[in-house]
Amino acid sequence: MKTDIHPDFHTDTKAKCSCGAEFVVGSTKDAISVEICSQCHPFYTGKEKVLDTAGRVDKFKQRMAKATAKKGAK
């Protein structure tokens, strides 16, 4: 392996989120700015919206059945 080609690793890098939360992490950068973190992400805060994917799949299957029935009638 070559020597002196790897960046310096900082163990005290501050990661700042747009919500105002700050975390100390390890990184090769001096400072990190992120848009979303575990303090404001809907999955972690419990404000997650659940989509009705089963209803959408059923509607799609009904449309496909109707379309194939029309093709068979011709």
Protein backbone atom coordinates (compact mmCIF):
# COMPACT_ATOMS: atom_id res chain seq x y z
CA MET A 1 0.00 0.00 0.00
CA LYS A 2 1.13 3.53 -0.67
CA THR A 3 1.87 5.76 2.29
CA ASP A 4 0.66 9.34 2.84
CA ILE A 5 -2.24 9.18 0.34
CA HIS A 6 -5.15 8.83 2.78
CA PRO A 7 -6.97 11.91 4.14
CA ASP A 8 -6.77 12.78 7.83
CA PHE A 9 -9.57 11.36 9.98
CA HIS A 10 -11.19 13.79 12.43
CA THR A 11 -12.94 12.20 15.40
CA ASP A 12 -14.59 15.45 16.52
CA THR A 13 -16.40 16.58 13.36
CA LYS A 14 -19.64 18.45 14.01
CA ALA A 15 -22.59 17.46 11.85
CA LYS A 16 -25.26 20.18 11.74
CA CYS A 17 -28.80 19.49 10.56
CA SER A 18 -31.17 22.06 9.06
CA CYS A 19 -33.52 21.47 12.02
CA GLY A 20 -30.84 22.77 14.38
CA ALA A 21 -29.61 19.48 15.84
CA GLU A 22 -25.85 18.96 16.12
CA PHE A 23 -23.93 15.70 16.42
CA VAL A 24 -20.27 14.87 16.90
CA VAL A 25 -19.15 12.23 14.43
CA GLY A 26 -15.98 10.89 12.87
CA SER A 27 -15.23 12.01 9.33
CA THR A 28 -12.51 13.05 6.91
CA LYS A 29 -14.15 16.50 6.69
CA ASP A 30 -13.91 19.29 9.27
CA ALA A 31 -17.65 20.05 9.28
CA ILE A 32 -20.74 18.39 7.82
CA SER A 33 -24.10 19.98 6.97
CA VAL A 34 -27.11 17.70 6.42
CA GLU A 35 -30.73 18.37 5.48
CA ILE A 36 -32.37 15.68 7.60
CA CYS A 37 -31.35 13.68 10.67
CA SER A 38 -32.85 11.24 13.17
CA GLN A 39 -34.26 14.17 15.18
CA CYS A 40 -36.46 15.43 12.32
CA HIS A 41 -36.92 12.44 9.96
CA PRO A 42 -40.57 11.28 9.91
CA PHE A 43 -39.63 7.61 10.33
CA TYR A 44 -37.82 8.28 13.61
CA THR A 45 -40.21 10.94 14.96
CA GLY A 46 -43.33 8.80 14.47
CA LYS A 47 -44.97 11.23 12.03
CA GLU A 48 -44.62 8.82 9.15
CA LYS A 49 -47.39 8.70 6.53
CA VAL A 50 -48.43 5.20 5.51
CA LEU A 51 -49.55 4.89 1.90
CA ASP A 52 -52.40 2.63 0.93
CA THR A 53 -50.41 0.56 -1.53
CA ALA A 54 -52.72 -2.45 -1.28
CA GLY A 55 -55.64 -0.34 -2.53
CA ARG A 56 -53.57 0.90 -5.44
CA VAL A 57 -52.54 -2.62 -6.40
CA ASP A 58 -56.16 -3.80 -6.30
CA LYS A 59 -57.24 -0.90 -8.53
CA PHE A 60 -54.46 -1.74 -10.99
CA LYS A 61 -55.48 -5.41 -11.10
CA GLN A 62 -59.11 -4.43 -11.73
CA ARG A 63 -58.10 -2.15 -14.61
CA MET A 64 -55.90 -4.88 -16.11
CA ALA A 65 -58.70 -7.45 -15.84
CA LYS A 66 -61.11 -5.05 -17.52
CA ALA A 67 -58.60 -4.30 -20.31
CA THR A 68 -57.88 -7.99 -20.99
CA ALA A 69 -61.62 -8.76 -20.97
CA LYS A 70 -62.18 -6.12 -23.66
CA LYS A 71 -59.38 -7.60 -25.80
CA GLY A 72 -60.86 -11.10 -25.47
CA ALA A 73 -64.33 -9.85 -26.52
CA LYS A 74 -63.08 -8.41 -29.83
